[in-house]
Amino acid sequence: MRARGTCPLSYILCVARFAIDVTACWRPQRVGMLTVAVELSRALVAAGRPADQFVLLCSRERPPALQDLDCEAVLAPYRHELVLKSRWLPTVEPQLECDAILYPYWPSPPFRRPGAPPAAIFVHDLAFRVRQSEVPWQQRLYFRAVLPQALRHSPAVLVPSESTRRDLMQLYRIPGLEQKVQVIPEGLPQEIAAGTLPEGVEPGFILAVGTVEPRKNYPRLLAAYRQLRGRHGALPFIINGRPGVPQLVIAGRPGWAYGDMVQRIASEPGVRYLGHVDEPTLAALYQSASVLAFPSLYEGFGLPLLEAMARGVPAVVGGAGALPELALGAAISVNAEDASAIAGALERLLADEGLRKKLGEEGMRRARGYTWANAAERTLDILRRIAHTSEEKAA
């Protein structure tokens, strides 16, 4: 293990040691952030130069999805995020002998000691500011307290979409922030072989994927589906040779403040609630769906939409946040706060096979440009730049 600052500047761009914080990977409610941390970590190690070194910062144990990753891991004695961020990470950062740190779980520790390497942080979304009533008060309080300082002191701020970049610039008027912010879109997870469909699920259904929580807008989706089933004189649906409104299948674990929503979903006629499903089952669901219903009220990126696009599944998406940006030409965007608008868009897609095919083909074309390899290459460039800048200042 070499000491920081002992290599010439021209050399440090070729041989670098980077730390990646995955201490929060154990938190099951942060499924999207977990995916980013795991997939990006794997892609960074694969994209690194032969002499590059990577070290994972982990809470208690190495995450199962990163067990086979060929790099060192430093284990924390704690699990709780506040203890990790306020106590352990500030202590261990200066001891890492690394050139830059990546915090894919935003933000960086609120207090950083002298000698800590420069850190790049992710800001996945600004839901705690944009949709405050749909975010737990603890998260709102925590992020409001620590994010401004992280934005001021981090030399690089990574966001997954132009929409999130705009939100960040509008909500945080920090001098120099615009020059720090870089858009690095997420990528498609490693392709998994499709398993079998759950018993009682027939191909051609409407699919919804996402944690059961207020921001995912399940009450309005159920209301829209109810309208769809109850309309008289609606457009005729023929899906896979079968007439009528297809089944609505929902896959997602219970999240924050779901209340009685799981029971309401499970008791709705025509709806099948699967809860959390494994990756092969999820792949089978995408493969067999006719339409994705994703009327989320706000997303910083929208991984379920990208996964559906990659398999040629057209979508109805909420018109706020990053979903219209990601789905450009591959989905119908609607006012997600209007159940009738959701119902109308679903009806239009289900009734028009040609439109479904057109949007599905555009989705597959667009999805090919979203890879973790691309994200890793751009992230490594940023990490090398901030490491280089830090060495120049030290010199």
Protein backbone atom coordinates (compact mmCIF):
# COMPACT_ATOMS: atom_id res chain seq x y z
CA MET A 1 0.00 0.00 0.00
CA ARG A 2 1.62 3.22 -1.11
CA ALA A 3 1.39 6.57 0.63
CA ARG A 4 -0.57 9.40 -0.92
CA GLY A 5 1.48 12.09 -2.54
CA THR A 6 4.61 10.00 -3.11
CA CYS A 7 4.11 9.61 -6.87
CA PRO A 8 4.92 12.32 -9.44
CA LEU A 9 1.87 14.12 -10.83
CA SER A 10 2.35 12.63 -14.27
CA TYR A 11 2.37 9.19 -12.69
CA ILE A 12 -0.61 9.61 -10.45
CA LEU A 13 -2.90 9.81 -13.44
CA CYS A 14 -1.74 6.34 -14.50
CA VAL A 15 -1.58 4.60 -11.15
CA ALA A 16 -4.26 5.58 -8.68
CA ARG A 17 -5.95 4.18 -5.62
CA PHE A 18 -9.67 4.88 -5.31
CA ALA A 19 -12.02 4.19 -2.41
CA ILE A 20 -15.70 3.41 -2.97
CA ASP A 21 -18.14 3.77 -0.08
CA VAL A 22 -20.70 0.96 -0.05
CA THR A 23 -21.44 1.17 3.67
CA ALA A 24 -25.18 1.61 3.14
CA CYS A 25 -25.66 -1.34 0.75
CA TRP A 26 -27.35 -3.31 3.51
CA ARG A 27 -30.30 -0.93 3.72
CA PRO A 28 -33.08 -2.78 1.82
CA GLN A 29 -35.33 0.25 1.34
CA ARG A 30 -32.76 1.95 -0.86
CA VAL A 31 -33.04 -0.45 -3.75
CA GLY A 32 -32.13 2.06 -6.46
CA MET A 33 -29.08 3.37 -4.63
CA LEU A 34 -27.98 -0.20 -3.86
CA THR A 35 -28.11 -1.01 -7.57
CA VAL A 36 -26.00 2.04 -8.40
CA ALA A 37 -23.41 1.23 -5.73
CA VAL A 38 -23.09 -2.43 -6.71
CA GLU A 39 -23.20 -2.06 -10.49
CA LEU A 40 -20.92 0.97 -10.57
CA SER A 41 -18.40 -0.65 -8.21
CA ARG A 42 -18.16 -3.69 -10.45
CA ALA A 43 -17.86 -1.57 -13.58
CA LEU A 44 -15.19 0.69 -12.06
CA VAL A 45 -12.97 -2.23 -11.15
CA ALA A 46 -13.45 -3.70 -14.65
CA ALA A 47 -12.67 -0.35 -16.31
CA GLY A 48 -9.62 0.51 -14.22
CA ARG A 49 -6.12 0.42 -15.64
CA PRO A 50 -3.95 -2.61 -14.74
CA ALA A 51 -2.06 -0.75 -12.01
CA ASP A 52 -5.11 0.96 -10.51
CA GLN A 53 -6.19 -0.11 -7.05
CA PHE A 54 -9.68 0.01 -5.54
CA VAL A 55 -10.81 -0.41 -1.97
CA LEU A 56 -14.40 -0.86 -0.79
CA LEU A 57 -15.59 0.78 2.41
CA CYS A 58 -18.15 -1.60 3.90
CA SER A 59 -20.36 -1.74 6.97
CA ARG A 60 -19.62 -4.87 9.00
CA GLU A 61 -19.29 -7.19 6.01
CA ARG A 62 -18.66 -7.09 2.30
CA PRO A 63 -21.98 -6.92 0.39
CA PRO A 64 -22.88 -10.34 -1.08
CA ALA A 65 -23.12 -8.89 -4.60
CA LEU A 66 -19.48 -7.70 -4.33
CA GLN A 67 -17.98 -10.79 -2.70
CA ASP A 68 -16.17 -11.84 -5.87
CA LEU A 69 -14.89 -8.36 -6.77
CA ASP A 70 -11.10 -8.38 -7.05
CA CYS A 71 -10.29 -5.56 -4.66
CA GLU A 72 -9.56 -4.87 -1.03
CA ALA A 73 -12.33 -4.13 1.48
CA VAL A 74 -12.19 -2.15 4.73
CA LEU A 75 -14.91 -3.17 7.18
CA ALA A 76 -16.56 -0.77 9.62
CA PRO A 77 -17.54 -1.93 13.11
CA TYR A 78 -20.91 -0.16 12.74
CA ARG A 79 -24.07 -0.47 10.67
CA HIS A 80 -26.07 2.67 11.42
CA GLU A 81 -25.60 5.28 8.70
CA LEU A 82 -25.39 8.24 11.07
CA VAL A 83 -22.61 6.57 13.06
CA LEU A 84 -20.82 5.55 9.88
CA LYS A 85 -21.03 9.04 8.37
CA SER A 86 -20.31 11.04 11.52
CA ARG A 87 -17.83 8.83 13.34
CA TRP A 88 -16.19 6.03 11.37
CA LEU A 89 -15.72 7.51 7.88
CA PRO A 90 -14.16 10.82 9.04
CA THR A 91 -11.65 8.77 11.05
CA VAL A 92 -10.79 6.27 8.36
CA GLU A 93 -10.71 8.62 5.33
CA PRO A 94 -7.24 10.12 6.02
CA GLN A 95 -5.85 6.63 6.67
CA LEU A 96 -6.88 5.15 3.33
CA GLU A 97 -3.78 6.24 1.40
CA CYS A 98 -5.99 6.82 -1.62
CA ASP A 99 -6.18 9.56 -4.23
CA ALA A 100 -9.97 10.01 -4.35
CA ILE A 101 -13.13 8.64 -2.78
CA LEU A 102 -16.46 7.95 -4.45
CA TYR A 103 -19.65 8.18 -2.39
CA PRO A 104 -22.35 6.51 -4.50
CA TYR A 105 -24.62 6.73 -1.44
CA TRP A 106 -24.92 10.47 -1.06
CA PRO A 107 -23.78 12.54 0.66
CA SER A 108 -20.20 12.41 1.97
CA PRO A 109 -19.56 12.58 5.75
CA PRO A 110 -20.74 15.90 7.21
CA PHE A 111 -17.35 16.46 8.86
CA ARG A 112 -14.11 15.65 7.06
CA ARG A 113 -10.70 15.83 8.69
CA PRO A 114 -7.56 17.48 7.28
CA GLY A 115 -5.77 15.10 4.96
CA ALA A 116 -8.94 13.39 3.75
CA PRO A 117 -8.77 12.58 0.02
CA PRO A 118 -11.04 14.55 -2.35
CA ALA A 119 -14.48 12.98 -2.59
CA ALA A 120 -16.99 12.80 -5.44
CA ILE A 121 -20.61 12.47 -4.32
CA PHE A 122 -23.80 11.29 -5.99
CA VAL A 123 -27.06 13.19 -5.71
CA HIS A 124 -29.63 10.68 -6.93
CA ASP A 125 -32.65 12.94 -6.67
CA LEU A 126 -34.08 15.89 -4.76
CA ALA A 127 -37.30 14.22 -3.67
CA PHE A 128 -36.80 15.41 -0.10
CA ARG A 129 -37.12 18.98 -1.41
CA VAL A 130 -39.35 18.54 -4.48
CA ARG A 131 -41.89 16.09 -2.98
CA GLN A 132 -41.45 16.71 0.72
CA SER A 133 -44.67 15.11 1.92
CA GLU A 134 -43.68 11.83 0.26
CA VAL A 135 -40.31 11.50 2.03
CA PRO A 136 -39.81 10.45 5.69
CA TRP A 137 -39.19 13.42 7.98
CA GLN A 138 -35.94 11.85 9.18
CA GLN A 139 -34.56 11.85 5.63
CA ARG A 140 -35.70 15.43 5.06
CA LEU A 141 -34.01 16.58 8.26
CA TYR A 142 -30.81 14.63 7.60
CA PHE A 143 -30.32 15.67 3.99
CA ARG A 144 -31.21 19.29 4.66
CA ALA A 145 -28.52 19.33 7.35
CA VAL A 146 -25.67 17.60 5.51
CA LEU A 147 -26.16 18.09 1.76
CA PRO A 148 -25.34 21.82 1.50
CA GLN A 149 -21.96 21.31 3.16
CA ALA A 150 -21.18 18.33 0.97
CA LEU A 151 -22.06 20.33 -2.16
CA ARG A 152 -19.75 23.16 -1.08
CA HIS A 153 -16.75 20.98 -0.27
CA SER A 154 -16.94 18.12 -2.79
CA PRO A 155 -14.93 18.85 -5.95
CA ALA A 156 -17.31 16.74 -8.06
CA VAL A 157 -21.09 16.18 -7.81
CA LEU A 158 -22.56 13.40 -9.95
CA VAL A 159 -26.25 13.26 -10.92
CA PRO A 160 -28.08 10.65 -13.04
CA SER A 161 -30.11 13.00 -15.26
CA GLU A 162 -30.46 16.52 -16.58
CA SER A 163 -33.67 16.77 -14.58
CA THR A 164 -31.82 16.17 -11.32
CA ARG A 165 -29.12 18.63 -12.37
CA ARG A 166 -31.76 21.30 -12.94
CA ASP A 167 -33.39 20.59 -9.59
CA LEU A 168 -30.03 20.82 -7.87
CA MET A 169 -29.12 24.14 -9.49
CA GLN A 170 -32.55 25.66 -8.71
CA LEU A 171 -32.61 24.57 -5.08
CA TYR A 172 -28.97 25.20 -4.12
CA ARG A 173 -27.53 28.57 -5.10
CA ILE A 174 -23.94 27.70 -4.17
CA PRO A 175 -21.09 29.57 -5.91
CA GLY A 176 -19.17 27.29 -8.26
CA LEU A 177 -21.64 24.42 -8.02
CA GLU A 178 -22.57 24.47 -11.69
CA GLN A 179 -18.95 23.72 -12.66
CA LYS A 180 -18.84 20.71 -10.33
CA VAL A 181 -22.02 18.97 -11.46
CA GLN A 182 -21.67 16.17 -14.02
CA VAL A 183 -24.54 14.09 -15.45
CA ILE A 184 -23.69 10.39 -15.39
CA PRO A 185 -26.73 8.30 -16.33
CA GLU A 186 -27.24 4.91 -14.77
CA GLY A 187 -26.87 1.73 -16.78
CA LEU A 188 -28.70 -1.53 -17.28
CA PRO A 189 -27.97 -4.21 -14.67
CA GLN A 190 -26.27 -7.37 -15.83
CA GLU A 191 -28.73 -9.38 -17.91
CA ILE A 192 -30.32 -12.24 -15.99
CA ALA A 193 -31.89 -15.27 -17.64
CA ALA A 194 -35.65 -15.09 -17.31
CA GLY A 195 -37.29 -17.51 -14.93
CA THR A 196 -40.89 -18.63 -15.01
CA LEU A 197 -43.90 -16.41 -14.53
CA PRO A 198 -45.63 -16.68 -11.15
CA GLU A 199 -48.61 -19.01 -11.10
CA GLY A 200 -51.77 -17.33 -12.35
CA VAL A 201 -49.97 -14.60 -14.34
CA GLU A 202 -50.67 -14.78 -18.07
CA PRO A 203 -48.51 -12.98 -20.69
CA GLY A 204 -49.79 -9.63 -21.96
CA PHE A 205 -50.44 -8.03 -18.55
CA ILE A 206 -49.87 -4.43 -17.47
CA LEU A 207 -46.77 -4.39 -15.28
CA ALA A 208 -45.90 -1.99 -12.44
CA VAL A 209 -42.53 -2.23 -10.70
CA GLY A 210 -41.51 -0.24 -7.65
CA THR A 211 -41.53 -0.02 -3.88
CA VAL A 212 -44.98 0.52 -2.37
CA GLU A 213 -44.58 4.05 -1.03
CA PRO A 214 -46.34 7.40 -1.62
CA ARG A 215 -44.06 8.66 -4.38
CA LYS A 216 -44.78 5.64 -6.61
CA ASN A 217 -48.44 6.74 -6.88
CA TYR A 218 -50.16 3.38 -6.53
CA PRO A 219 -53.51 4.84 -5.33
CA ARG A 220 -53.95 6.72 -8.62
CA LEU A 221 -52.73 3.74 -10.64
CA LEU A 222 -55.40 1.57 -9.00
CA ALA A 223 -58.02 4.25 -9.66
CA ALA A 224 -56.94 4.42 -13.31
CA TYR A 225 -57.09 0.65 -13.67
CA ARG A 226 -60.55 0.64 -12.11
CA GLN A 227 -61.65 3.26 -14.68
CA LEU A 228 -60.17 1.16 -17.45
CA ARG A 229 -62.13 -1.92 -16.40
CA GLY A 230 -65.35 0.02 -15.90
CA ARG A 231 -65.47 2.02 -19.11
CA HIS A 232 -68.35 1.33 -21.48
CA GLY A 233 -67.65 1.70 -25.17
CA ALA A 234 -63.91 1.79 -24.54
CA LEU A 235 -61.49 0.95 -27.29
CA PRO A 236 -61.32 -2.83 -27.89
CA PHE A 237 -58.26 -4.57 -26.44
CA ILE A 238 -56.88 -7.72 -28.01
CA ILE A 239 -53.71 -8.71 -26.15
CA ASN A 240 -52.04 -11.99 -27.21
CA GLY A 241 -55.29 -13.00 -28.89
CA ARG A 242 -57.38 -12.42 -25.75
CA PRO A 243 -60.00 -9.62 -25.60
CA GLY A 244 -60.59 -7.45 -22.58
CA VAL A 245 -58.55 -5.44 -20.10
CA PRO A 246 -55.45 -7.42 -19.16
CA GLN A 247 -54.36 -8.15 -15.60
CA LEU A 248 -52.39 -5.52 -13.65
CA VAL A 249 -49.35 -7.15 -12.03
CA ILE A 250 -47.44 -5.22 -9.35
CA ALA A 251 -43.96 -6.19 -8.17
CA GLY A 252 -42.42 -4.24 -5.30
CA ARG A 253 -41.69 -4.60 -1.61
CA PRO A 254 -43.56 -2.52 0.99
CA GLY A 255 -41.65 0.71 1.63
CA TRP A 256 -42.19 3.84 3.68
CA ALA A 257 -45.66 4.93 4.83
CA TYR A 258 -47.47 2.36 2.73
CA GLY A 259 -50.29 2.14 5.27
CA ASP A 260 -53.04 -0.16 3.99
CA MET A 261 -51.86 0.16 0.38
CA VAL A 262 -50.62 -3.42 0.13
CA GLN A 263 -54.02 -4.71 1.26
CA ARG A 264 -55.79 -2.38 -1.16
CA ILE A 265 -53.61 -3.55 -4.04
CA ALA A 266 -54.10 -7.20 -3.19
CA SER A 267 -57.90 -6.86 -2.93
CA GLU A 268 -58.43 -4.89 -6.16
CA PRO A 269 -60.22 -6.96 -8.84
CA GLY A 270 -57.95 -7.83 -11.74
CA VAL A 271 -54.77 -6.93 -9.84
CA ARG A 272 -52.07 -9.39 -8.80
CA TYR A 273 -49.63 -8.22 -6.11
CA LEU A 274 -46.37 -10.19 -6.05
CA GLY A 275 -44.39 -8.22 -3.48
CA HIS A 276 -40.63 -8.43 -3.85
CA VAL A 277 -39.52 -10.79 -6.64
CA ASP A 278 -36.10 -12.21 -7.46
CA GLU A 279 -34.16 -11.17 -10.55
CA PRO A 280 -35.11 -14.15 -12.79
CA THR A 281 -38.80 -13.60 -12.00
CA LEU A 282 -38.49 -9.86 -12.67
CA ALA A 283 -36.85 -10.62 -16.02
CA ALA A 284 -39.73 -12.94 -16.88
CA LEU A 285 -42.24 -10.23 -15.96
CA TYR A 286 -40.59 -7.66 -18.22
CA GLN A 287 -40.35 -10.23 -21.00
CA SER A 288 -44.05 -11.06 -20.87
CA ALA A 289 -45.61 -7.63 -20.16
CA SER A 290 -47.49 -5.71 -22.83
CA VAL A 291 -47.18 -2.30 -21.11
CA LEU A 292 -45.29 -0.82 -18.16
CA ALA A 293 -47.33 1.47 -15.89
CA PHE A 294 -44.88 3.77 -14.10
CA PRO A 295 -46.83 6.93 -13.16
CA SER A 296 -44.37 7.92 -10.44
CA LEU A 297 -44.74 11.42 -9.05
CA TYR A 298 -41.00 12.05 -9.17
CA GLU A 299 -37.85 10.12 -10.12
CA GLY A 300 -34.23 11.17 -10.32
CA PHE A 301 -33.65 8.56 -13.04
CA GLY A 302 -36.08 5.61 -13.27
CA LEU A 303 -34.37 2.22 -13.49
CA PRO A 304 -37.59 0.15 -13.93
CA LEU A 305 -38.37 2.22 -17.00
CA LEU A 306 -34.90 1.59 -18.47
CA GLU A 307 -35.23 -2.15 -17.80
CA ALA A 308 -38.59 -2.19 -19.58
CA MET A 309 -37.24 -0.18 -22.51
CA ALA A 310 -34.38 -2.66 -22.95
CA ARG A 311 -36.94 -5.43 -23.45
CA GLY A 312 -39.13 -3.45 -25.83
CA VAL A 313 -41.96 -2.81 -23.37
CA PRO A 314 -43.70 0.54 -24.01
CA ALA A 315 -44.66 2.58 -20.97
CA VAL A 316 -46.99 5.13 -19.45
CA VAL A 317 -44.90 7.38 -17.20
CA GLY A 318 -45.35 10.36 -14.92
CA GLY A 319 -44.54 13.66 -16.57
CA ALA A 320 -42.45 15.10 -13.71
CA GLY A 321 -38.82 14.44 -12.86
CA ALA A 322 -36.49 12.44 -15.09
CA LEU A 323 -38.90 9.90 -16.59
CA PRO A 324 -39.85 11.90 -19.73
CA GLU A 325 -36.15 12.59 -20.33
CA LEU A 326 -35.25 8.90 -20.13
CA ALA A 327 -38.30 7.72 -22.05
CA LEU A 328 -38.11 10.23 -24.90
CA GLY A 329 -39.96 8.60 -27.80
CA ALA A 330 -40.44 5.31 -25.92
CA ALA A 331 -43.36 6.11 -23.63
CA ILE A 332 -46.46 8.24 -23.15
CA SER A 333 -45.98 10.90 -20.47
CA VAL A 334 -48.99 11.96 -18.40
CA ASN A 335 -49.92 14.15 -15.48
CA ALA A 336 -49.36 11.56 -12.76
CA GLU A 337 -51.73 13.33 -10.38
CA ASP A 338 -54.65 12.72 -12.76
CA ALA A 339 -55.97 9.14 -12.61
CA SER A 340 -58.10 9.73 -15.72
CA ALA A 341 -55.01 10.77 -17.69
CA ILE A 342 -53.24 7.57 -16.60
CA ALA A 343 -56.27 5.50 -17.61
CA GLY A 344 -56.50 7.24 -20.99
CA ALA A 345 -52.83 6.64 -21.79
CA LEU A 346 -53.07 2.96 -20.83
CA GLU A 347 -56.19 2.60 -22.95
CA ARG A 348 -54.46 4.19 -25.91
CA LEU A 349 -51.46 1.87 -25.68
CA LEU A 350 -53.45 -1.30 -25.09
CA ALA A 351 -55.74 -0.58 -28.05
CA ASP A 352 -52.97 0.19 -30.55
CA GLU A 353 -50.59 -2.68 -31.28
CA GLY A 354 -48.73 -0.58 -33.83
CA LEU A 355 -48.06 2.15 -31.27
CA ARG A 356 -46.85 -0.41 -28.75
CA LYS A 357 -44.44 -1.82 -31.31
CA LYS A 358 -43.17 1.62 -32.34
CA LEU A 359 -42.53 2.77 -28.76
CA GLY A 360 -41.01 -0.58 -27.84
CA GLU A 361 -38.53 -0.45 -30.71
CA GLU A 362 -37.51 3.10 -29.81
CA GLY A 363 -37.07 2.03 -26.20
CA MET A 364 -34.69 -0.77 -27.17
CA ARG A 365 -32.70 1.60 -29.34
CA ARG A 366 -32.38 4.18 -26.57
CA ALA A 367 -31.62 1.65 -23.85
CA ARG A 368 -28.50 0.45 -25.68
CA GLY A 369 -26.81 3.76 -24.83
CA TYR A 370 -27.21 3.28 -21.06
CA THR A 371 -24.42 1.02 -19.78
CA TRP A 372 -22.51 0.79 -16.51
CA ALA A 373 -19.31 0.58 -18.56
CA ASN A 374 -20.01 4.08 -19.90
CA ALA A 375 -20.87 5.33 -16.41
CA ALA A 376 -17.66 3.83 -15.00
CA GLU A 377 -15.42 5.36 -17.67
CA ARG A 378 -16.85 8.82 -17.04
CA THR A 379 -16.70 8.38 -13.27
CA LEU A 380 -13.06 7.27 -13.44
CA ASP A 381 -12.21 10.34 -15.52
CA ILE A 382 -13.76 12.51 -12.81
CA LEU A 383 -11.97 10.67 -9.99
CA ARG A 384 -8.63 11.05 -11.78
CA ARG A 385 -9.29 14.72 -12.37
CA ILE A 386 -10.11 15.54 -8.76
CA ALA A 387 -7.13 13.46 -7.57
CA HIS A 388 -4.85 15.33 -9.97
CA THR A 389 -6.26 18.71 -8.89
CA SER A 390 -5.74 17.80 -5.24
CA GLU A 391 -2.09 16.88 -5.85
CA GLU A 392 -1.52 20.13 -7.72
CA LYS A 393 -2.88 22.12 -4.79
CA ALA A 394 -0.74 20.14 -2.35
CA ALA A 395 2.36 20.81 -4.45
